[in-house]
Amino acid sequence: QVQLVESGGGLVQTGGSLKLSCAASGITSFSMYTIVWHRKAPGSQRESVATMTPTKNTIYDDSVKGRFTITRDNARSTAYLQMNSVKAEDTAVYFCGLLWGSNHYWGRGTQVTVSS
């Protein structure tokens, strides 16, 4: 059974940094999956934050471009989201997902709270 577990969330001050991790288990061919990070803030719709393809091409939402960096370690079946210069509007639950064809897997999320 495939399982994704996000970690690294917590409370951080405005302007600070945080690194989220997404560890996958029960999955083969991790390197073939597109990795996505989404977030869901209270009262807002879930939105895509960052994407990394199997060939390591990246796409970022304009709101995080230049501040967040998505990476992957295929040998460890783990994805990361480095969050720098965080803002209050980055407060949300962050979810990671793995996508490959009809195979879509999601974690349960990790809370990030940015305080001023």
PDB file of N, CA and C in Angstrom:
ATOM      1  N   GLN A   1       0.852  -1.199   0.000  1.00  0.00           N
ATOM      2  CA  GLN A   1       0.000   0.000   0.000  1.00  0.00           C
ATOM      3  C   GLN A   1       0.883   1.244   0.000  1.00  0.00           C
ATOM      4  N   VAL A   2       0.598   2.152  -0.900  1.00  0.00           N
ATOM      5  CA  VAL A   2       1.378   3.370  -1.014  1.00  0.00           C
ATOM      6  C   VAL A   2       0.982   4.337   0.096  1.00  0.00           C
ATOM      7  N   GLN A   3       1.981   4.919   0.704  1.00  0.00           N
ATOM      8  CA  GLN A   3       1.734   5.896   1.757  1.00  0.00           C
ATOM      9  C   GLN A   3       2.687   7.066   1.580  1.00  0.00           C
ATOM     10  N   LEU A   4       2.148   8.270   1.693  1.00  0.00           N
ATOM     11  CA  LEU A   4       2.945   9.493   1.671  1.00  0.00           C
ATOM     12  C   LEU A   4       2.791  10.178   3.018  1.00  0.00           C
ATOM     13  N   VAL A   5       3.907  10.545   3.599  1.00  0.00           N
ATOM     14  CA  VAL A   5       3.875  11.201   4.898  1.00  0.00           C
ATOM     15  C   VAL A   5       4.647  12.508   4.816  1.00  0.00           C
ATOM     16  N   GLU A   6       3.927  13.611   5.008  1.00  0.00           N
ATOM     17  CA  GLU A   6       4.575  14.919   5.049  1.00  0.00           C
ATOM     18  C   GLU A   6       5.064  15.202   6.465  1.00  0.00           C
ATOM     19  N   SER A   7       6.150  15.945   6.550  1.00  0.00           N
ATOM     20  CA  SER A   7       6.680  16.364   7.848  1.00  0.00           C
ATOM     21  C   SER A   7       7.424  17.676   7.663  1.00  0.00           C
ATOM     22  N   GLY A   8       7.762  18.287   8.784  1.00  0.00           N
ATOM     23  CA  GLY A   8       8.536  19.519   8.743  1.00  0.00           C
ATOM     24  C   GLY A   8       7.725  20.781   8.932  1.00  0.00           C
ATOM     25  N   GLY A   9       6.423  20.648   9.004  1.00  0.00           N
ATOM     26  CA  GLY A   9       5.600  21.818   9.232  1.00  0.00           C
ATOM     27  C   GLY A   9       5.731  22.316  10.655  1.00  0.00           C
ATOM     28  N   GLY A  10       5.167  23.480  10.895  1.00  0.00           N
ATOM     29  CA  GLY A  10       5.219  24.053  12.240  1.00  0.00           C
ATOM     30  C   GLY A  10       4.985  25.534  12.209  1.00  0.00           C
ATOM     31  N   LEU A  11       5.408  26.177  13.269  1.00  0.00           N
ATOM     32  CA  LEU A  11       5.255  27.617  13.420  1.00  0.00           C
ATOM     33  C   LEU A  11       6.567  28.300  13.040  1.00  0.00           C
ATOM     34  N   VAL A  12       6.474  29.303  12.194  1.00  0.00           N
ATOM     35  CA  VAL A  12       7.654  30.030  11.748  1.00  0.00           C
ATOM     36  C   VAL A  12       7.310  31.510  11.665  1.00  0.00           C
ATOM     37  N   GLN A  13       8.276  32.345  11.929  1.00  0.00           N
ATOM     38  CA  GLN A  13       8.043  33.791  11.863  1.00  0.00           C
ATOM     39  C   GLN A  13       8.137  34.290  10.427  1.00  0.00           C
ATOM     40  N   THR A  14       7.478  35.368  10.183  1.00  0.00           N
ATOM     41  CA  THR A  14       7.554  36.013   8.879  1.00  0.00           C
ATOM     42  C   THR A  14       9.016  36.253   8.501  1.00  0.00           C
ATOM     43  N   GLY A  15       9.338  35.893   7.276  1.00  0.00           N
ATOM     44  CA  GLY A  15      10.711  36.039   6.809  1.00  0.00           C
ATOM     45  C   GLY A  15      11.595  34.844   7.073  1.00  0.00           C
ATOM     46  N   GLY A  16      11.094  33.908   7.836  1.00  0.00           N
ATOM     47  CA  GLY A  16      11.875  32.733   8.187  1.00  0.00           C
ATOM     48  C   GLY A  16      11.815  31.656   7.124  1.00  0.00           C
ATOM     49  N   SER A  17      12.386  30.489   7.466  1.00  0.00           N
ATOM     50  CA  SER A  17      12.454  29.379   6.530  1.00  0.00           C
ATOM     51  C   SER A  17      11.946  28.094   7.173  1.00  0.00           C
ATOM     52  N   LEU A  18      11.512  27.206   6.311  1.00  0.00           N
ATOM     53  CA  LEU A  18      11.011  25.906   6.744  1.00  0.00           C
ATOM     54  C   LEU A  18      11.232  24.940   5.593  1.00  0.00           C
ATOM     55  N   LYS A  19      11.549  23.692   5.911  1.00  0.00           N
ATOM     56  CA  LYS A  19      11.717  22.695   4.865  1.00  0.00           C
ATOM     57  C   LYS A  19      10.763  21.537   5.117  1.00  0.00           C
ATOM     58  N   LEU A  20       9.865  21.331   4.183  1.00  0.00           N
ATOM     59  CA  LEU A  20       8.919  20.234   4.275  1.00  0.00           C
ATOM     60  C   LEU A  20       9.478  19.004   3.569  1.00  0.00           C
ATOM     61  N   SER A  21       9.161  17.846   4.119  1.00  0.00           N
ATOM     62  CA  SER A  21       9.555  16.584   3.504  1.00  0.00           C
ATOM     63  C   SER A  21       8.324  15.753   3.205  1.00  0.00           C
ATOM     64  N   CYS A  22       8.436  14.908   2.207  1.00  0.00           N
ATOM     65  CA  CYS A  22       7.349  14.005   1.830  1.00  0.00           C
ATOM     66  C   CYS A  22       7.980  12.650   1.547  1.00  0.00           C
ATOM     67  N   ALA A  23       7.811  11.740   2.476  1.00  0.00           N
ATOM     68  CA  ALA A  23       8.411  10.415   2.346  1.00  0.00           C
ATOM     69  C   ALA A  23       7.385   9.431   1.815  1.00  0.00           C
ATOM     70  N   ALA A  24       7.761   8.737   0.752  1.00  0.00           N
ATOM     71  CA  ALA A  24       6.870   7.758   0.139  1.00  0.00           C
ATOM     72  C   ALA A  24       7.306   6.349   0.503  1.00  0.00           C
ATOM     73  N   SER A  25       6.349   5.515   0.800  1.00  0.00           N
ATOM     74  CA  SER A  25       6.630   4.102   1.070  1.00  0.00           C
ATOM     75  C   SER A  25       5.647   3.237   0.298  1.00  0.00           C
ATOM     76  N   GLY A  26       6.048   1.973   0.072  1.00  0.00           N
ATOM     77  CA  GLY A  26       5.172   1.065  -0.652  1.00  0.00           C
ATOM     78  C   GLY A  26       5.048   1.388  -2.125  1.00  0.00           C
ATOM     79  N   ILE A  27       6.008   2.144  -2.644  1.00  0.00           N
ATOM     80  CA  ILE A  27       5.927   2.583  -4.029  1.00  0.00           C
ATOM     81  C   ILE A  27       7.181   2.152  -4.784  1.00  0.00           C
ATOM     82  N   THR A  28       6.968   1.724  -6.003  1.00  0.00           N
ATOM     83  CA  THR A  28       8.091   1.408  -6.868  1.00  0.00           C
ATOM     84  C   THR A  28       8.183   2.491  -7.950  1.00  0.00           C
ATOM     85  N   SER A  29       9.332   2.615  -8.527  1.00  0.00           N
ATOM     86  CA  SER A  29       9.537   3.594  -9.600  1.00  0.00           C
ATOM     87  C   SER A  29       9.187   5.014  -9.166  1.00  0.00           C
ATOM     88  N   PHE A  30       9.614   5.395  -7.981  1.00  0.00           N
ATOM     89  CA  PHE A  30       9.358   6.759  -7.492  1.00  0.00           C
ATOM     90  C   PHE A  30       9.821   7.781  -8.510  1.00  0.00           C
ATOM     91  N   SER A  31      10.913   7.504  -9.171  1.00  0.00           N
ATOM     92  CA  SER A  31      11.487   8.468 -10.109  1.00  0.00           C
ATOM     93  C   SER A  31      10.576   8.750 -11.300  1.00  0.00           C
ATOM     94  N   MET A  32       9.610   7.891 -11.547  1.00  0.00           N
ATOM     95  CA  MET A  32       8.729   8.068 -12.700  1.00  0.00           C
ATOM     96  C   MET A  32       7.552   9.000 -12.388  1.00  0.00           C
ATOM     97  N   TYR A  33       7.382   9.351 -11.140  1.00  0.00           N
ATOM     98  CA  TYR A  33       6.233  10.145 -10.731  1.00  0.00           C
ATOM     99  C   TYR A  33       6.518  11.645 -10.801  1.00  0.00           C
ATOM    100  N   THR A  34       5.506  12.391 -11.177  1.00  0.00           N
ATOM    101  CA  THR A  34       5.511  13.846 -11.003  1.00  0.00           C
ATOM    102  C   THR A  34       5.158  14.136  -9.552  1.00  0.00           C
ATOM    103  N   ILE A  35       5.925  15.027  -8.944  1.00  0.00           N
ATOM    104  CA  ILE A  35       5.675  15.409  -7.560  1.00  0.00           C
ATOM    105  C   ILE A  35       4.971  16.758  -7.550  1.00  0.00           C
ATOM    106  N   VAL A  36       3.959  16.856  -6.743  1.00  0.00           N
ATOM    107  CA  VAL A  36       3.257  18.133  -6.607  1.00  0.00           C
ATOM    108  C   VAL A  36       3.123  18.471  -5.123  1.00  0.00           C
ATOM    109  N   TRP A  37       3.214  19.741  -4.833  1.00  0.00           N
ATOM    110  CA  TRP A  37       2.893  20.269  -3.514  1.00  0.00           C
ATOM    111  C   TRP A  37       1.689  21.187  -3.676  1.00  0.00           C
ATOM    112  N   HIS A  38       0.661  20.941  -2.880  1.00  0.00           N
ATOM    113  CA  HIS A  38      -0.525  21.786  -2.835  1.00  0.00           C
ATOM    114  C   HIS A  38      -0.629  22.360  -1.436  1.00  0.00           C
ATOM    115  N   ARG A  39      -1.447  23.385  -1.295  1.00  0.00           N
ATOM    116  CA  ARG A  39      -1.749  23.913   0.030  1.00  0.00           C
ATOM    117  C   ARG A  39      -3.200  24.331   0.108  1.00  0.00           C
ATOM    118  N   LYS A  40      -3.708  24.307   1.325  1.00  0.00           N
ATOM    119  CA  LYS A  40      -5.097  24.679   1.567  1.00  0.00           C
ATOM    120  C   LYS A  40      -5.119  25.576   2.798  1.00  0.00           C
ATOM    121  N   ALA A  41      -5.460  26.835   2.551  1.00  0.00           N
ATOM    122  CA  ALA A  41      -5.574  27.796   3.649  1.00  0.00           C
ATOM    123  C   ALA A  41      -7.024  27.887   4.088  1.00  0.00           C
ATOM    124  N   PRO A  42      -7.277  28.253   5.331  1.00  0.00           N
ATOM    125  CA  PRO A  42      -8.658  28.383   5.812  1.00  0.00           C
ATOM    126  C   PRO A  42      -9.444  29.358   4.951  1.00  0.00           C
ATOM    127  N   GLY A  43     -10.627  28.945   4.515  1.00  0.00           N
ATOM    128  CA  GLY A  43     -11.480  29.829   3.738  1.00  0.00           C
ATOM    129  C   GLY A  43     -11.068  29.985   2.290  1.00  0.00           C
ATOM    130  N   SER A  44     -10.038  29.242   1.882  1.00  0.00           N
ATOM    131  CA  SER A  44      -9.554  29.336   0.500  1.00  0.00           C
ATOM    132  C   SER A  44      -9.600  27.972  -0.173  1.00  0.00           C
ATOM    133  N   GLN A  45      -9.545  28.008  -1.480  1.00  0.00           N
ATOM    134  CA  GLN A  45      -9.503  26.752  -2.220  1.00  0.00           C
ATOM    135  C   GLN A  45      -8.093  26.178  -2.191  1.00  0.00           C
ATOM    136  N   ARG A  46      -8.035  24.887  -2.347  1.00  0.00           N
ATOM    137  CA  ARG A  46      -6.739  24.214  -2.438  1.00  0.00           C
ATOM    138  C   ARG A  46      -6.044  24.684  -3.710  1.00  0.00           C
ATOM    139  N   GLU A  47      -4.738  24.959  -3.599  1.00  0.00           N
ATOM    140  CA  GLU A  47      -4.019  25.469  -4.760  1.00  0.00           C
ATOM    141  C   GLU A  47      -2.686  24.752  -4.926  1.00  0.00           C
ATOM    142  N   SER A  48      -2.249  24.712  -6.164  1.00  0.00           N
ATOM    143  CA  SER A  48      -0.952  24.107  -6.462  1.00  0.00           C
ATOM    144  C   SER A  48       0.146  25.111  -6.144  1.00  0.00           C
ATOM    145  N   VAL A  49       1.192  24.635  -5.502  1.00  0.00           N
ATOM    146  CA  VAL A  49       2.298  25.494  -5.105  1.00  0.00           C
ATOM    147  C   VAL A  49       3.514  25.243  -5.992  1.00  0.00           C
ATOM    148  N   ALA A  50       3.856  23.969  -6.149  1.00  0.00           N
ATOM    149  CA  ALA A  50       5.064  23.627  -6.896  1.00  0.00           C
ATOM    150  C   ALA A  50       4.912  22.237  -7.479  1.00  0.00           C
ATOM    151  N   THR A  51       5.548  22.046  -8.631  1.00  0.00           N
ATOM    152  CA  THR A  51       5.507  20.759  -9.333  1.00  0.00           C
ATOM    153  C   THR A  51       6.896  20.423  -9.840  1.00  0.00           C
ATOM    154  N   MET A  52       7.257  19.143  -9.768  1.00  0.00           N
ATOM    155  CA  MET A  52       8.511  18.684 -10.359  1.00  0.00           C
ATOM    156  C   MET A  52       8.237  17.419 -11.151  1.00  0.00           C
ATOM    157  N   THR A  53       8.628  17.439 -12.427  1.00  0.00           N
ATOM    158  CA  THR A  53       8.414  16.288 -13.295  1.00  0.00           C
ATOM    159  C   THR A  53       9.517  15.236 -13.069  1.00  0.00           C
ATOM    160  N   PRO A  54       9.370  14.065 -13.653  1.00  0.00           N
ATOM    161  CA  PRO A  54      10.424  13.048 -13.527  1.00  0.00           C
ATOM    162  C   PRO A  54      11.766  13.527 -14.072  1.00  0.00           C
ATOM    163  N   THR A  55      11.734  14.427 -15.036  1.00  0.00           N
ATOM    164  CA  THR A  55      12.974  14.961 -15.610  1.00  0.00           C
ATOM    165  C   THR A  55      13.459  16.192 -14.857  1.00  0.00           C
ATOM    166  N   LYS A  56      12.817  16.462 -13.719  1.00  0.00           N
ATOM    167  CA  LYS A  56      13.195  17.545 -12.810  1.00  0.00           C
ATOM    168  C   LYS A  56      12.908  18.936 -13.349  1.00  0.00           C
ATOM    169  N   ASN A  57      11.999  19.032 -14.305  1.00  0.00           N
ATOM    170  CA  ASN A  57      11.490  20.352 -14.657  1.00  0.00           C
ATOM    171  C   ASN A  57      10.563  20.808 -13.540  1.00  0.00           C
ATOM    172  N   THR A  58      10.552  22.107 -13.279  1.00  0.00           N
ATOM    173  CA  THR A  58       9.765  22.629 -12.170  1.00  0.00           C
ATOM    174  C   THR A  58       8.798  23.719 -12.629  1.00  0.00           C
ATOM    175  N   ILE A  59       7.701  23.795 -11.915  1.00  0.00           N
ATOM    176  CA  ILE A  59       6.701  24.834 -12.127  1.00  0.00           C
ATOM    177  C   ILE A  59       6.312  25.348 -10.753  1.00  0.00           C
ATOM    178  N   TYR A  60       6.253  26.662 -10.626  1.00  0.00           N
ATOM    179  CA  TYR A  60       5.871  27.281  -9.364  1.00  0.00           C
ATOM    180  C   TYR A  60       4.710  28.229  -9.569  1.00  0.00           C
ATOM    181  N   ASP A  61       3.856  28.292  -8.572  1.00  0.00           N
ATOM    182  CA  ASP A  61       2.834  29.325  -8.565  1.00  0.00           C
ATOM    183  C   ASP A  61       3.534  30.669  -8.410  1.00  0.00           C
ATOM    184  N   ASP A  62       2.969  31.709  -9.010  1.00  0.00           N
ATOM    185  CA  ASP A  62       3.589  33.026  -8.946  1.00  0.00           C
ATOM    186  C   ASP A  62       3.757  33.518  -7.502  1.00  0.00           C
ATOM    187  N   SER A  63       2.881  33.084  -6.634  1.00  0.00           N
ATOM    188  CA  SER A  63       2.917  33.571  -5.252  1.00  0.00           C
ATOM    189  C   SER A  63       4.143  33.069  -4.476  1.00  0.00           C
ATOM    190  N   VAL A  64       4.782  32.002  -4.965  1.00  0.00           N
ATOM    191  CA  VAL A  64       5.921  31.442  -4.241  1.00  0.00           C
ATOM    192  C   VAL A  64       7.199  31.459  -5.069  1.00  0.00           C
ATOM    193  N   LYS A  65       7.097  31.892  -6.298  1.00  0.00           N
ATOM    194  CA  LYS A  65       8.256  31.870  -7.189  1.00  0.00           C
ATOM    195  C   LYS A  65       9.387  32.715  -6.593  1.00  0.00           C
ATOM    196  N   GLY A  66      10.583  32.145  -6.591  1.00  0.00           N
ATOM    197  CA  GLY A  66      11.733  32.846  -6.027  1.00  0.00           C
ATOM    198  C   GLY A  66      11.885  32.655  -4.527  1.00  0.00           C
ATOM    199  N   ARG A  67      10.883  32.068  -3.895  1.00  0.00           N
ATOM    200  CA  ARG A  67      10.960  31.856  -2.443  1.00  0.00           C
ATOM    201  C   ARG A  67      10.955  30.365  -2.083  1.00  0.00           C
ATOM    202  N   PHE A  68      10.197  29.579  -2.821  1.00  0.00           N
ATOM    203  CA  PHE A  68      10.080  28.141  -2.547  1.00  0.00           C
ATOM    204  C   PHE A  68      10.867  27.367  -3.591  1.00  0.00           C
ATOM    205  N   THR A  69      11.411  26.226  -3.169  1.00  0.00           N
ATOM    206  CA  THR A  69      12.145  25.350  -4.077  1.00  0.00           C
ATOM    207  C   THR A  69      11.718  23.901  -3.844  1.00  0.00           C
ATOM    208  N   ILE A  70      11.308  23.257  -4.906  1.00  0.00           N
ATOM    209  CA  ILE A  70      10.926  21.851  -4.839  1.00  0.00           C
ATOM    210  C   ILE A  70      12.103  20.997  -5.306  1.00  0.00           C
ATOM    211  N   THR A  71      12.383  19.950  -4.562  1.00  0.00           N
ATOM    212  CA  THR A  71      13.448  19.020  -4.935  1.00  0.00           C
ATOM    213  C   THR A  71      12.978  17.592  -4.684  1.00  0.00           C
ATOM    214  N   ARG A  72      13.761  16.650  -5.159  1.00  0.00           N
ATOM    215  CA  ARG A  72      13.426  15.252  -4.944  1.00  0.00           C
ATOM    216  C   ARG A  72      14.699  14.434  -4.780  1.00  0.00           C
ATOM    217  N   ASP A  73      14.610  13.387  -3.989  1.00  0.00           N
ATOM    218  CA  ASP A  73      15.693  12.434  -3.825  1.00  0.00           C
ATOM    219  C   ASP A  73      15.113  11.075  -4.194  1.00  0.00           C
ATOM    220  N   ASN A  74      15.327  10.673  -5.420  1.00  0.00           N
ATOM    221  CA  ASN A  74      14.723   9.428  -5.894  1.00  0.00           C
ATOM    222  C   ASN A  74      15.250   8.211  -5.140  1.00  0.00           C
ATOM    223  N   ALA A  75      16.500   8.268  -4.728  1.00  0.00           N
ATOM    224  CA  ALA A  75      17.076   7.135  -3.997  1.00  0.00           C
ATOM    225  C   ALA A  75      16.387   6.937  -2.647  1.00  0.00           C
ATOM    226  N   ARG A  76      15.890   7.997  -2.081  1.00  0.00           N
ATOM    227  CA  ARG A  76      15.204   7.939  -0.782  1.00  0.00           C
ATOM    228  C   ARG A  76      13.689   7.978  -0.920  1.00  0.00           C
ATOM    229  N   SER A  77      13.193   8.063  -2.151  1.00  0.00           N
ATOM    230  CA  SER A  77      11.738   8.178  -2.398  1.00  0.00           C
ATOM    231  C   SER A  77      11.142   9.310  -1.558  1.00  0.00           C
ATOM    232  N   THR A  78      11.812  10.423  -1.600  1.00  0.00           N
ATOM    233  CA  THR A  78      11.403  11.563  -0.780  1.00  0.00           C
ATOM    234  C   THR A  78      11.418  12.840  -1.611  1.00  0.00           C
ATOM    235  N   ALA A  79      10.444  13.674  -1.363  1.00  0.00           N
ATOM    236  CA  ALA A  79      10.365  14.980  -1.996  1.00  0.00           C
ATOM    237  C   ALA A  79      10.461  16.055  -0.912  1.00  0.00           C
ATOM    238  N   TYR A  80      10.882  17.232  -1.323  1.00  0.00           N
ATOM    239  CA  TYR A  80      11.071  18.325  -0.368  1.00  0.00           C
ATOM    240  C   TYR A  80      10.485  19.607  -0.918  1.00  0.00           C
ATOM    241  N   LEU A  81      10.143  20.492  -0.002  1.00  0.00           N
ATOM    242  CA  LEU A  81       9.753  21.843  -0.371  1.00  0.00           C
ATOM    243  C   LEU A  81      10.459  22.790   0.589  1.00  0.00           C
ATOM    244  N   GLN A  82      11.453  23.484   0.079  1.00  0.00           N
ATOM    245  CA  GLN A  82      12.174  24.479   0.866  1.00  0.00           C
ATOM    246  C   GLN A  82      11.409  25.799   0.765  1.00  0.00           C
ATOM    247  N   MET A  83      11.037  26.317   1.914  1.00  0.00           N
ATOM    248  CA  MET A  83      10.254  27.546   1.958  1.00  0.00           C
ATOM    249  C   MET A  83      11.095  28.629   2.617  1.00  0.00           C
ATOM    250  N   ASN A  84      11.421  29.656   1.867  1.00  0.00           N
ATOM    251  CA  ASN A  84      12.207  30.779   2.394  1.00  0.00           C
ATOM    252  C   ASN A  84      11.383  32.065   2.346  1.00  0.00           C
ATOM    253  N   SER A  85      11.785  33.024   3.133  1.00  0.00           N
ATOM    254  CA  SER A  85      11.105  34.331   3.164  1.00  0.00           C
ATOM    255  C   SER A  85       9.599  34.160   3.265  1.00  0.00           C
ATOM    256  N   VAL A  86       9.184  33.352   4.193  1.00  0.00           N
ATOM    257  CA  VAL A  86       7.753  33.040   4.289  1.00  0.00           C
ATOM    258  C   VAL A  86       6.949  34.266   4.696  1.00  0.00           C
ATOM    259  N   LYS A  87       5.701  34.261   4.274  1.00  0.00           N
ATOM    260  CA  LYS A  87       4.785  35.372   4.535  1.00  0.00           C
ATOM    261  C   LYS A  87       3.563  34.811   5.266  1.00  0.00           C
ATOM    262  N   ALA A  88       2.795  35.700   5.839  1.00  0.00           N
ATOM    263  CA  ALA A  88       1.591  35.284   6.557  1.00  0.00           C
ATOM    264  C   ALA A  88       0.652  34.507   5.637  1.00  0.00           C
ATOM    265  N   GLU A  89       0.596  34.905   4.393  1.00  0.00           N
ATOM    266  CA  GLU A  89      -0.304  34.244   3.442  1.00  0.00           C
ATOM    267  C   GLU A  89       0.165  32.843   3.042  1.00  0.00           C
ATOM    268  N   ASP A  90       1.316  32.426   3.500  1.00  0.00           N
ATOM    269  CA  ASP A  90       1.768  31.056   3.268  1.00  0.00           C
ATOM    270  C   ASP A  90       1.184  30.089   4.296  1.00  0.00           C
ATOM    271  N   THR A  91       0.514  30.626   5.296  1.00  0.00           N
ATOM    272  CA  THR A  91      -0.113  29.775   6.306  1.00  0.00           C
ATOM    273  C   THR A  91      -1.158  28.881   5.651  1.00  0.00           C
ATOM    274  N   ALA A  92      -1.006  27.579   5.833  1.00  0.00           N
ATOM    275  CA  ALA A  92      -1.895  26.614   5.184  1.00  0.00           C
ATOM    276  C   ALA A  92      -1.490  25.207   5.596  1.00  0.00           C
ATOM    277  N   VAL A  93      -2.319  24.261   5.234  1.00  0.00           N
ATOM    278  CA  VAL A  93      -1.928  22.859   5.301  1.00  0.00           C
ATOM    279  C   VAL A  93      -1.316  22.505   3.947  1.00  0.00           C
ATOM    280  N   TYR A  94      -0.127  21.927   3.985  1.00  0.00           N
ATOM    281  CA  TYR A  94       0.587  21.583   2.766  1.00  0.00           C
ATOM    282  C   TYR A  94       0.521  20.074   2.525  1.00  0.00           C
ATOM    283  N   PHE A  95       0.162  19.728   1.304  1.00  0.00           N
ATOM    284  CA  PHE A  95       0.011  18.334   0.903  1.00  0.00           C
ATOM    285  C   PHE A  95       0.998  18.007  -0.219  1.00  0.00           C
ATOM    286  N   CYS A  96       1.559  16.833  -0.184  1.00  0.00           N
ATOM    287  CA  CYS A  96       2.344  16.388  -1.324  1.00  0.00           C
ATOM    288  C   CYS A  96       1.583  15.293  -2.048  1.00  0.00           C
ATOM    289  N   GLY A  97       1.842  15.221  -3.345  1.00  0.00           N
ATOM    290  CA  GLY A  97       1.186  14.216  -4.164  1.00  0.00           C
ATOM    291  C   GLY A  97       2.151  13.625  -5.177  1.00  0.00           C
ATOM    292  N   LEU A  98       1.904  12.397  -5.552  1.00  0.00           N
ATOM    293  CA  LEU A  98       2.655  11.730  -6.609  1.00  0.00           C
ATOM    294  C   LEU A  98       1.682  11.347  -7.719  1.00  0.00           C
ATOM    295  N   LEU A  99       2.034  11.725  -8.930  1.00  0.00           N
ATOM    296  CA  LEU A  99       1.147  11.495 -10.061  1.00  0.00           C
ATOM    297  C   LEU A  99       1.890  10.765 -11.167  1.00  0.00           C
ATOM    298  N   TRP A 100       1.273   9.694 -11.671  1.00  0.00           N
ATOM    299  CA  TRP A 100       1.828   8.967 -12.818  1.00  0.00           C
ATOM    300  C   TRP A 100       0.691   8.251 -13.507  1.00  0.00           C
ATOM    301  N   GLY A 101       0.280   8.812 -14.637  1.00  0.00           N
ATOM    302  CA  GLY A 101      -0.862   8.241 -15.341  1.00  0.00           C
ATOM    303  C   GLY A 101      -2.094   8.286 -14.457  1.00  0.00           C
ATOM    304  N   SER A 102      -2.697   7.140 -14.283  1.00  0.00           N
ATOM    305  CA  SER A 102      -3.907   7.058 -13.466  1.00  0.00           C
ATOM    306  C   SER A 102      -3.585   6.859 -11.980  1.00  0.00           C
ATOM    307  N   ASN A 103      -2.330   6.772 -11.656  1.00  0.00           N
ATOM    308  CA  ASN A 103      -1.918   6.598 -10.260  1.00  0.00           C
ATOM    309  C   ASN A 103      -1.719   7.961  -9.601  1.00  0.00           C
ATOM    310  N   HIS A 104      -2.557   8.273  -8.650  1.00  0.00           N
ATOM    311  CA  HIS A 104      -2.457   9.514  -7.898  1.00  0.00           C
ATOM    312  C   HIS A 104      -2.465   9.174  -6.415  1.00  0.00           C
ATOM    313  N   TYR A 105      -1.447   9.636  -5.717  1.00  0.00           N
ATOM    314  CA  TYR A 105      -1.359   9.397  -4.276  1.00  0.00           C
ATOM    315  C   TYR A 105      -1.140  10.725  -3.572  1.00  0.00           C
ATOM    316  N   TRP A 106      -1.770  10.843  -2.402  1.00  0.00           N
ATOM    317  CA  TRP A 106      -1.666  12.082  -1.621  1.00  0.00           C
ATOM    318  C   TRP A 106      -1.391  11.766  -0.165  1.00  0.00           C
ATOM    319  N   GLY A 107      -0.654  12.669   0.455  1.00  0.00           N
ATOM    320  CA  GLY A 107      -0.449  12.578   1.889  1.00  0.00           C
ATOM    321  C   GLY A 107      -1.568  13.284   2.628  1.00  0.00           C
ATOM    322  N   ARG A 108      -1.487  13.247   3.949  1.00  0.00           N
ATOM    323  CA  ARG A 108      -2.536  13.853   4.773  1.00  0.00           C
ATOM    324  C   ARG A 108      -2.255  15.306   5.108  1.00  0.00           C
ATOM    325  N   GLY A 109      -1.075  15.760   4.795  1.00  0.00           N
ATOM    326  CA  GLY A 109      -0.775  17.163   4.975  1.00  0.00           C
ATOM    327  C   GLY A 109      -0.007  17.485   6.248  1.00  0.00           C
ATOM    328  N   THR A 110       0.650  18.628   6.219  1.00  0.00           N
ATOM    329  CA  THR A 110       1.349  19.145   7.386  1.00  0.00           C
ATOM    330  C   THR A 110       1.048  20.637   7.506  1.00  0.00           C
ATOM    331  N   GLN A 111       0.774  21.080   8.709  1.00  0.00           N
ATOM    332  CA  GLN A 111       0.366  22.461   8.934  1.00  0.00           C
ATOM    333  C   GLN A 111       1.578  23.383   8.992  1.00  0.00           C
ATOM    334  N   VAL A 112       1.497  24.468   8.259  1.00  0.00           N
ATOM    335  CA  VAL A 112       2.498  25.537   8.336  1.00  0.00           C
ATOM    336  C   VAL A 112       1.782  26.804   8.765  1.00  0.00           C
ATOM    337  N   THR A 113       2.278  27.384   9.834  1.00  0.00           N
ATOM    338  CA  THR A 113       1.707  28.624  10.347  1.00  0.00           C
ATOM    339  C   THR A 113       2.791  29.678  10.413  1.00  0.00           C
ATOM    340  N   VAL A 114       2.547  30.793   9.750  1.00  0.00           N
ATOM    341  CA  VAL A 114       3.512  31.891   9.737  1.00  0.00           C
ATOM    342  C   VAL A 114       2.991  33.007  10.631  1.00  0.00           C
ATOM    343  N   SER A 115       3.777  33.369  11.599  1.00  0.00           N
ATOM    344  CA  SER A 115       3.375  34.406  12.547  1.00  0.00           C
ATOM    345  C   SER A 115       4.143  35.695  12.268  1.00  0.00           C
ATOM    346  N   SER A 116       3.478  36.786  12.528  1.00  0.00           N
ATOM    347  CA  SER A 116       4.114  38.096  12.287  1.00  0.00           C
ATOM    348  C   SER A 116       4.795  38.610  13.538  1.00  0.00           C
TER     349      SER A 116
END
